[in-house]
Structure formats: C-alpha cells, structure tokens
C-alpha cells in the first residue's frame, strides 16, 4: 500500500462538478492499493498516517500529528501510484490491485481512519475526480507499507 500525504490548509474533491468530499486543515491522502496488500497493511498505514508528525509547533519543529491538532482527513483512491515506468513510455499498472478487491481495502482504510480522526472525507472510488488543495508548507511525504 502506498500513500502520498500532503499537509493542507484545505482540500476538496469533485465528481461531475459536485463536491463529494471537503476538509479544512489536515491531510490529503492519495492512497494506492497494490497486489498482495491485506488487512495488516491497512492497520500499519492508518497508524502511520494519523501519527505522522508533520505539523509544526510554535518553535517551527515538526512535532505534532493530525491527532494532536484535531485535523481532518481527505482520502482519495489513486491506483496510479502503482504505475511502473521502467519500460516504454506508457506506465503499466499491473502492480495495482484489481478494482473490486481494492475497493474493499480502501473502505476498510477509511473505516479504520474514522476510528481515530473525527472528520474523514473521501472521493468517489474509481471515478474521474478533480482534487483541489491548498498545500501548507508545502509538506508532502510518501509512505509505503512494504518498506
């Protein structure tokens, strides 16, 4: 499981011109689910995400998590994180999990995140989405449950 995590002042996602998810200060999580990912990856990924200390304290040091600041979470499915560009010019997405199985793990990730974070919004799984964000910092990190 891979995630691109962006610290945001605000973020939203639209499908067909309608806002389906919107948050204030917190984290935008672009979540990719790969072949072989399982429940253990979800637990690890949620724990890592919500405890990641990438919010600054008054002294300017990254020392607070989304839990500490009582921030919000916007989770957007992103199978393209498994794009392999090692050969040719068109990415291969063979490392991504199939849509039906991935949807179950995506939903489980969101459910587990909602146990820890008061406001968790999502995009629409498998839809073409427009994601808008105000990246705070900017701060962007990439995490991978297999590393």
Protein backbone atom coordinates (compact mmCIF):
# COMPACT_ATOMS: atom_id res chain seq x y z
CA UNK A 1 0.00 0.00 0.00
CA UNK A 2 1.36 3.39 -0.97
CA UNK A 3 0.28 6.87 0.02
CA UNK A 4 1.19 10.39 -0.93
CA UNK A 5 0.34 12.52 2.10
CA UNK A 6 0.03 16.27 1.80
CA UNK A 7 -0.39 18.68 4.70
CA UNK A 8 -3.18 21.03 3.69
CA UNK A 9 -4.94 24.17 4.84
CA UNK A 10 -7.96 22.86 2.91
CA UNK A 11 -8.78 20.27 0.27
CA UNK A 12 -11.78 19.09 -1.69
CA UNK A 13 -12.68 16.58 -4.35
CA UNK A 14 -15.32 16.95 -7.05
CA UNK A 15 -17.01 14.41 -9.29
CA UNK A 16 -19.04 15.71 -12.25
CA UNK A 17 -18.85 19.25 -10.87
CA UNK A 18 -20.22 18.30 -7.44
CA UNK A 19 -18.17 18.36 -4.25
CA UNK A 20 -18.15 14.88 -2.72
CA UNK A 21 -15.53 15.46 -0.02
CA UNK A 22 -14.13 18.57 1.64
CA UNK A 23 -11.87 19.28 4.63
CA UNK A 24 -10.22 22.16 6.41
CA UNK A 25 -6.74 21.89 7.92
CA UNK A 26 -5.38 18.37 7.93
CA UNK A 27 -4.09 15.77 5.50
CA UNK A 28 -4.93 14.84 1.93
CA UNK A 29 -4.09 11.16 1.44
CA UNK A 30 -3.76 9.79 -2.09
CA UNK A 31 -3.99 6.05 -1.41
CA UNK A 32 -2.81 3.34 -3.79
CA UNK A 33 -3.55 -0.33 -3.14
CA UNK A 34 -1.28 -2.92 -4.72
CA UNK A 35 -1.28 -6.62 -5.48
CA UNK A 36 -0.77 -8.53 -2.23
CA UNK A 37 -1.93 -5.76 0.11
CA UNK A 38 -4.01 -7.00 3.04
CA UNK A 39 -5.60 -6.01 6.35
CA UNK A 40 -2.17 -5.75 8.04
CA UNK A 41 -1.20 -3.06 5.53
CA UNK A 42 -4.33 -1.07 6.40
CA UNK A 43 -3.60 -1.07 10.12
CA UNK A 44 0.03 -0.06 9.55
CA UNK A 45 -0.88 2.63 7.01
CA UNK A 46 -3.63 4.20 9.14
CA UNK A 47 -1.42 4.22 12.25
CA UNK A 48 1.48 5.74 10.32
CA UNK A 49 -0.74 8.37 8.69
CA UNK A 50 -2.55 9.60 11.79
CA UNK A 51 0.59 9.62 13.94
CA UNK A 52 2.90 11.19 11.34
CA UNK A 53 4.38 14.28 12.98
CA UNK A 54 4.37 16.78 10.11
CA UNK A 55 2.58 19.70 11.75
CA UNK A 56 4.73 22.42 13.28
CA UNK A 57 4.66 23.57 16.87
CA UNK A 58 5.36 27.18 17.80
CA UNK A 59 9.12 26.52 17.66
CA UNK A 60 8.82 25.54 13.98
CA UNK A 61 9.66 21.86 14.51
CA UNK A 62 7.55 19.07 13.04
CA UNK A 63 6.27 17.65 16.29
CA UNK A 64 2.51 17.27 16.00
CA UNK A 65 0.26 14.80 14.23
CA UNK A 66 -3.20 15.20 12.77
CA UNK A 67 -4.48 13.81 16.09
CA UNK A 68 -2.63 16.50 18.07
CA UNK A 69 -4.07 19.35 16.01
CA UNK A 70 -7.52 17.72 15.73
CA UNK A 71 -7.20 17.97 11.97
CA UNK A 72 -9.28 16.45 9.21
CA UNK A 73 -8.54 13.79 6.62
CA UNK A 74 -9.46 13.55 2.93
CA UNK A 75 -8.71 10.12 1.42
CA UNK A 76 -8.69 9.71 -2.37
CA UNK A 77 -8.09 6.40 -4.14
CA UNK A 78 -5.12 6.58 -6.50
CA UNK A 79 -4.23 3.34 -8.31
CA UNK A 80 -1.78 5.29 -10.49
CA UNK A 81 0.69 5.26 -7.56
CA UNK A 82 1.46 1.75 -8.82
CA UNK A 83 2.38 2.98 -12.29
CA UNK A 84 5.59 1.30 -13.45
CA UNK A 85 7.51 3.45 -15.91
CA UNK A 86 10.65 1.30 -16.09
CA UNK A 87 9.93 0.21 -19.66
CA UNK A 88 8.47 2.17 -22.51
CA UNK A 89 6.63 5.47 -22.28
CA UNK A 90 3.24 4.33 -21.07
CA UNK A 91 3.00 3.32 -17.40
CA UNK A 92 1.98 -0.24 -16.61
CA UNK A 93 -0.48 -0.54 -13.74
CA UNK A 94 -0.15 -4.31 -13.33
CA UNK A 95 1.10 -3.80 -9.76
CA UNK A 96 -2.19 -2.22 -8.71
CA UNK A 97 -4.82 -4.43 -7.11
CA UNK A 98 -7.98 -5.08 -9.14
CA UNK A 99 -10.80 -2.61 -8.57
CA UNK A 100 -13.24 -4.86 -6.70
CA UNK A 101 -10.70 -6.13 -4.16
CA UNK A 102 -9.09 -2.69 -3.83
CA UNK A 103 -12.47 -1.09 -3.07
CA UNK A 104 -12.86 -3.35 -0.03
CA UNK A 105 -9.42 -2.42 1.31
CA UNK A 106 -9.99 1.27 0.56
CA UNK A 107 -13.27 1.18 2.50
CA UNK A 108 -11.54 -0.65 5.37
CA UNK A 109 -8.82 2.03 5.45
CA UNK A 110 -11.45 4.78 5.67
CA UNK A 111 -13.37 2.90 8.38
CA UNK A 112 -10.21 2.41 10.47
CA UNK A 113 -9.23 6.08 9.98
CA UNK A 114 -12.69 7.16 11.21
CA UNK A 115 -12.00 5.32 14.47
CA UNK A 116 -9.14 7.75 15.10
CA UNK A 117 -9.96 11.01 13.30
CA UNK A 118 -13.22 12.91 13.89
CA UNK A 119 -13.73 14.03 10.28
CA UNK A 120 -12.72 11.75 7.40
CA UNK A 121 -13.99 12.54 3.90
CA UNK A 122 -13.37 10.64 0.66
CA UNK A 123 -13.51 10.94 -3.06
CA UNK A 124 -15.57 8.51 -5.15
CA UNK A 125 -13.81 5.21 -5.76
CA UNK A 126 -13.00 4.59 -9.44
CA UNK A 127 -14.43 7.95 -10.57
CA UNK A 128 -12.67 10.66 -12.52
CA UNK A 129 -12.11 13.29 -9.83
CA UNK A 130 -10.90 16.86 -9.59
CA UNK A 131 -8.85 17.29 -6.43
CA UNK A 132 -8.21 20.81 -5.16
CA UNK A 133 -5.89 21.63 -2.28
CA UNK A 134 -4.01 24.37 -0.57
CA UNK A 135 -0.77 22.61 0.37
CA UNK A 136 0.51 24.00 3.67
CA UNK A 137 4.27 24.38 3.63
CA UNK A 138 4.31 22.70 1.17
CA UNK A 139 4.74 19.45 3.04
CA UNK A 140 4.39 16.21 1.09
CA UNK A 141 5.61 12.76 2.14
CA UNK A 142 5.37 9.33 0.56
CA UNK A 143 4.89 6.19 2.62
CA UNK A 144 4.84 2.55 1.59
CA UNK A 145 3.63 -0.25 3.85
CA UNK A 146 6.18 -2.63 2.32
CA UNK A 147 9.21 -0.53 3.29
